[in-house]
């Protein structure tokens, strides 16, 4: 086997307070810049990171400032991996309604997972009841 890939890693832990989303966005943006991602890729990653962190704060942790959201950004040549973890009860992503269905088009909410799946190359959920949910996202660089 060859030498292991070299990964750069940044981790940020914030309370479940929406005001911290600007910090999450800034860290994500700077990490993308440092890793040499183009503007379209950075925008896709930032939108996904902010959406996943918003969901973790609101739906996962119920905006309980005592519960944390952990953002982990990793990059290796040609690849970004992102984890967003909350301390909530978990959920079933298959039960989230498709926002493209006519009855859901005018709803103000419910597009988060759809956004993640369209901006990222891979999205997986690890749900551990009473321990939280981790959203794992991958973006391949062009």
C-alpha atoms as a PDB file:
ATOM      1  CA  UNK A   1       0.000   0.000   0.000  1.00  0.00           C
ATOM      2  CA  UNK A   2       0.999   3.584  -0.619  1.00  0.00           C
ATOM      3  CA  UNK A   3       1.278   6.356   1.937  1.00  0.00           C
ATOM      4  CA  UNK A   4      -2.026   7.465   3.481  1.00  0.00           C
ATOM      5  CA  UNK A   5      -3.665  10.546   2.048  1.00  0.00           C
ATOM      6  CA  UNK A   6      -2.946  13.800   3.826  1.00  0.00           C
ATOM      7  CA  UNK A   7      -6.129  15.286   5.276  1.00  0.00           C
ATOM      8  CA  UNK A   8      -6.518  18.829   6.569  1.00  0.00           C
ATOM      9  CA  UNK A   9      -9.108  18.999   9.349  1.00  0.00           C
ATOM     10  CA  UNK A  10     -10.962  21.774  11.158  1.00  0.00           C
ATOM     11  CA  UNK A  11     -13.512  21.258  13.923  1.00  0.00           C
ATOM     12  CA  UNK A  12     -15.875  23.854  15.350  1.00  0.00           C
ATOM     13  CA  UNK A  13     -18.301  23.368  18.237  1.00  0.00           C
ATOM     14  CA  UNK A  14     -21.087  25.905  18.726  1.00  0.00           C
ATOM     15  CA  UNK A  15     -24.171  26.152  20.937  1.00  0.00           C
ATOM     16  CA  UNK A  16     -27.566  25.704  19.272  1.00  0.00           C
ATOM     17  CA  UNK A  17     -28.057  29.413  18.738  1.00  0.00           C
ATOM     18  CA  UNK A  18     -28.851  30.598  15.203  1.00  0.00           C
ATOM     19  CA  UNK A  19     -26.627  33.668  15.661  1.00  0.00           C
ATOM     20  CA  UNK A  20     -23.615  31.328  15.370  1.00  0.00           C
ATOM     21  CA  UNK A  21     -24.487  30.425  11.766  1.00  0.00           C
ATOM     22  CA  UNK A  22     -22.467  33.419  10.538  1.00  0.00           C
ATOM     23  CA  UNK A  23     -19.410  31.956  12.282  1.00  0.00           C
ATOM     24  CA  UNK A  24     -20.135  28.507  10.798  1.00  0.00           C
ATOM     25  CA  UNK A  25     -20.391  30.095   7.345  1.00  0.00           C
ATOM     26  CA  UNK A  26     -17.158  32.062   7.783  1.00  0.00           C
ATOM     27  CA  UNK A  27     -15.212  28.975   8.902  1.00  0.00           C
ATOM     28  CA  UNK A  28     -16.592  26.918   6.022  1.00  0.00           C
ATOM     29  CA  UNK A  29     -15.817  29.655   3.494  1.00  0.00           C
ATOM     30  CA  UNK A  30     -12.258  30.126   4.755  1.00  0.00           C
ATOM     31  CA  UNK A  31     -11.610  26.388   4.789  1.00  0.00           C
ATOM     32  CA  UNK A  32     -12.762  26.142   1.170  1.00  0.00           C
ATOM     33  CA  UNK A  33     -10.507  29.032   0.198  1.00  0.00           C
ATOM     34  CA  UNK A  34      -7.515  27.476   1.973  1.00  0.00           C
ATOM     35  CA  UNK A  35      -8.150  24.182   0.172  1.00  0.00           C
ATOM     36  CA  UNK A  36      -8.348  25.870  -3.241  1.00  0.00           C
ATOM     37  CA  UNK A  37     -11.989  25.101  -4.039  1.00  0.00           C
ATOM     38  CA  UNK A  38     -13.523  27.160  -6.829  1.00  0.00           C
ATOM     39  CA  UNK A  39     -16.376  29.580  -6.131  1.00  0.00           C
ATOM     40  CA  UNK A  40     -19.184  27.226  -7.230  1.00  0.00           C
ATOM     41  CA  UNK A  41     -17.828  24.427  -5.042  1.00  0.00           C
ATOM     42  CA  UNK A  42     -17.413  26.767  -2.059  1.00  0.00           C
ATOM     43  CA  UNK A  43     -20.973  28.019  -2.499  1.00  0.00           C
ATOM     44  CA  UNK A  44     -22.342  24.458  -2.623  1.00  0.00           C
ATOM     45  CA  UNK A  45     -20.352  23.460   0.458  1.00  0.00           C
ATOM     46  CA  UNK A  46     -21.231  26.619   2.418  1.00  0.00           C
ATOM     47  CA  UNK A  47     -24.934  26.358   1.616  1.00  0.00           C
ATOM     48  CA  UNK A  48     -24.929  22.719   2.684  1.00  0.00           C
ATOM     49  CA  UNK A  49     -22.954  23.364   5.873  1.00  0.00           C
ATOM     50  CA  UNK A  50     -25.228  26.233   6.944  1.00  0.00           C
ATOM     51  CA  UNK A  51     -28.366  24.223   6.111  1.00  0.00           C
ATOM     52  CA  UNK A  52     -27.136  21.143   8.004  1.00  0.00           C
ATOM     53  CA  UNK A  53     -26.105  23.247  11.021  1.00  0.00           C
ATOM     54  CA  UNK A  54     -29.447  25.083  10.989  1.00  0.00           C
ATOM     55  CA  UNK A  55     -31.276  21.737  10.973  1.00  0.00           C
ATOM     56  CA  UNK A  56     -29.052  20.425  13.770  1.00  0.00           C
ATOM     57  CA  UNK A  57     -29.722  23.497  15.917  1.00  0.00           C
ATOM     58  CA  UNK A  58     -33.463  23.752  15.251  1.00  0.00           C
ATOM     59  CA  UNK A  59     -34.689  20.211  14.692  1.00  0.00           C
ATOM     60  CA  UNK A  60     -31.972  18.178  16.379  1.00  0.00           C
ATOM     61  CA  UNK A  61     -31.320  20.255  19.461  1.00  0.00           C
ATOM     62  CA  UNK A  62     -34.549  22.276  19.628  1.00  0.00           C
ATOM     63  CA  UNK A  63     -32.547  25.529  19.879  1.00  0.00           C
ATOM     64  CA  UNK A  64     -31.399  24.450  23.348  1.00  0.00           C
ATOM     65  CA  UNK A  65     -28.253  26.541  23.859  1.00  0.00           C
ATOM     66  CA  UNK A  66     -26.908  23.878  26.244  1.00  0.00           C
ATOM     67  CA  UNK A  67     -26.810  21.359  23.378  1.00  0.00           C
ATOM     68  CA  UNK A  68     -23.940  21.604  20.936  1.00  0.00           C
ATOM     69  CA  UNK A  69     -23.523  21.291  17.195  1.00  0.00           C
ATOM     70  CA  UNK A  70     -20.163  19.955  16.037  1.00  0.00           C
ATOM     71  CA  UNK A  71     -18.949  20.811  12.541  1.00  0.00           C
ATOM     72  CA  UNK A  72     -16.003  18.834  11.197  1.00  0.00           C
ATOM     73  CA  UNK A  73     -14.457  19.809   7.853  1.00  0.00           C
ATOM     74  CA  UNK A  74     -11.875  17.558   6.221  1.00  0.00           C
ATOM     75  CA  UNK A  75     -10.127  17.948   2.886  1.00  0.00           C
ATOM     76  CA  UNK A  76      -7.698  15.872   0.892  1.00  0.00           C
ATOM     77  CA  UNK A  77      -6.663  16.412  -2.694  1.00  0.00           C
ATOM     78  CA  UNK A  78      -9.843  16.313  -4.753  1.00  0.00           C
ATOM     79  CA  UNK A  79     -12.283  15.684  -1.901  1.00  0.00           C
ATOM     80  CA  UNK A  80     -14.127  17.425   0.932  1.00  0.00           C
ATOM     81  CA  UNK A  81     -15.856  15.524   3.733  1.00  0.00           C
ATOM     82  CA  UNK A  82     -18.098  17.287   6.220  1.00  0.00           C
ATOM     83  CA  UNK A  83     -19.823  16.019   9.355  1.00  0.00           C
ATOM     84  CA  UNK A  84     -22.473  17.962  11.269  1.00  0.00           C
ATOM     85  CA  UNK A  85     -23.523  16.377  14.565  1.00  0.00           C
ATOM     86  CA  UNK A  86     -26.226  17.317  17.048  1.00  0.00           C
ATOM     87  CA  UNK A  87     -27.257  16.017  20.477  1.00  0.00           C
ATOM     88  CA  UNK A  88     -30.941  15.470  19.686  1.00  0.00           C
ATOM     89  CA  UNK A  89     -33.235  12.445  19.566  1.00  0.00           C
ATOM     90  CA  UNK A  90     -32.716  11.681  15.879  1.00  0.00           C
ATOM     91  CA  UNK A  91     -35.194  11.334  13.026  1.00  0.00           C
ATOM     92  CA  UNK A  92     -35.969   9.189   9.991  1.00  0.00           C
ATOM     93  CA  UNK A  93     -34.830  11.038   6.838  1.00  0.00           C
ATOM     94  CA  UNK A  94     -37.133   8.824   4.750  1.00  0.00           C
ATOM     95  CA  UNK A  95     -40.144  10.379   6.508  1.00  0.00           C
ATOM     96  CA  UNK A  96     -39.234  13.875   5.307  1.00  0.00           C
ATOM     97  CA  UNK A  97     -41.669  14.848   2.575  1.00  0.00           C
ATOM     98  CA  UNK A  98     -40.500  15.604  -0.959  1.00  0.00           C
ATOM     99  CA  UNK A  99     -40.602  19.417  -1.333  1.00  0.00           C
ATOM    100  CA  UNK A 100     -41.259  19.026  -5.088  1.00  0.00           C
ATOM    101  CA  UNK A 101     -44.705  17.480  -4.574  1.00  0.00           C
ATOM    102  CA  UNK A 102     -47.533  19.920  -5.364  1.00  0.00           C
ATOM    103  CA  UNK A 103     -48.883  19.881  -1.798  1.00  0.00           C
ATOM    104  CA  UNK A 104     -45.451  20.913  -0.467  1.00  0.00           C
ATOM    105  CA  UNK A 105     -44.476  23.601  -2.976  1.00  0.00           C
ATOM    106  CA  UNK A 106     -45.755  26.535  -0.922  1.00  0.00           C
ATOM    107  CA  UNK A 107     -44.474  25.306   2.434  1.00  0.00           C
ATOM    108  CA  UNK A 108     -41.920  27.617   4.010  1.00  0.00           C
ATOM    109  CA  UNK A 109     -39.883  24.718   5.388  1.00  0.00           C
ATOM    110  CA  UNK A 110     -38.881  21.195   4.468  1.00  0.00           C
ATOM    111  CA  UNK A 111     -36.246  21.714   1.774  1.00  0.00           C
ATOM    112  CA  UNK A 112     -33.075  21.156   3.804  1.00  0.00           C
ATOM    113  CA  UNK A 113     -32.351  17.523   2.970  1.00  0.00           C
ATOM    114  CA  UNK A 114     -33.304  18.175  -0.661  1.00  0.00           C
ATOM    115  CA  UNK A 115     -30.751  21.016  -0.768  1.00  0.00           C
ATOM    116  CA  UNK A 116     -28.024  18.853   0.760  1.00  0.00           C
ATOM    117  CA  UNK A 117     -28.627  16.010  -1.686  1.00  0.00           C
ATOM    118  CA  UNK A 118     -28.542  18.371  -4.668  1.00  0.00           C
ATOM    119  CA  UNK A 119     -25.447  20.361  -3.687  1.00  0.00           C
ATOM    120  CA  UNK A 120     -23.298  17.501  -2.405  1.00  0.00           C
ATOM    121  CA  UNK A 121     -22.097  14.325  -4.117  1.00  0.00           C
ATOM    122  CA  UNK A 122     -22.951  12.110  -1.156  1.00  0.00           C
ATOM    123  CA  UNK A 123     -25.180  12.588   1.906  1.00  0.00           C
ATOM    124  CA  UNK A 124     -25.633   9.993   4.669  1.00  0.00           C
ATOM    125  CA  UNK A 125     -27.308  10.138   8.054  1.00  0.00           C
ATOM    126  CA  UNK A 126     -26.165   8.306  11.168  1.00  0.00           C
ATOM    127  CA  UNK A 127     -28.938   8.395  13.733  1.00  0.00           C
ATOM    128  CA  UNK A 128     -28.282   7.324  17.291  1.00  0.00           C
ATOM    129  CA  UNK A 129     -31.480   7.767  19.331  1.00  0.00           C
ATOM    130  CA  UNK A 130     -30.869   9.801  22.485  1.00  0.00           C
ATOM    131  CA  UNK A 131     -27.308  10.529  21.325  1.00  0.00           C
ATOM    132  CA  UNK A 132     -27.907  12.602  18.216  1.00  0.00           C
ATOM    133  CA  UNK A 133     -27.673  12.644  14.462  1.00  0.00           C
ATOM    134  CA  UNK A 134     -24.622  13.081  12.264  1.00  0.00           C
ATOM    135  CA  UNK A 135     -24.988  14.207   8.672  1.00  0.00           C
ATOM    136  CA  UNK A 136     -21.993  13.085   6.591  1.00  0.00           C
ATOM    137  CA  UNK A 137     -21.510  14.928   3.308  1.00  0.00           C
ATOM    138  CA  UNK A 138     -18.945  14.525   0.540  1.00  0.00           C
ATOM    139  CA  UNK A 139     -18.056  16.919  -2.272  1.00  0.00           C
ATOM    140  CA  UNK A 140     -15.647  15.822  -4.973  1.00  0.00           C
ATOM    141  CA  UNK A 141     -13.526  18.623  -6.414  1.00  0.00           C
ATOM    142  CA  UNK A 142     -13.327  19.142 -10.147  1.00  0.00           C
END
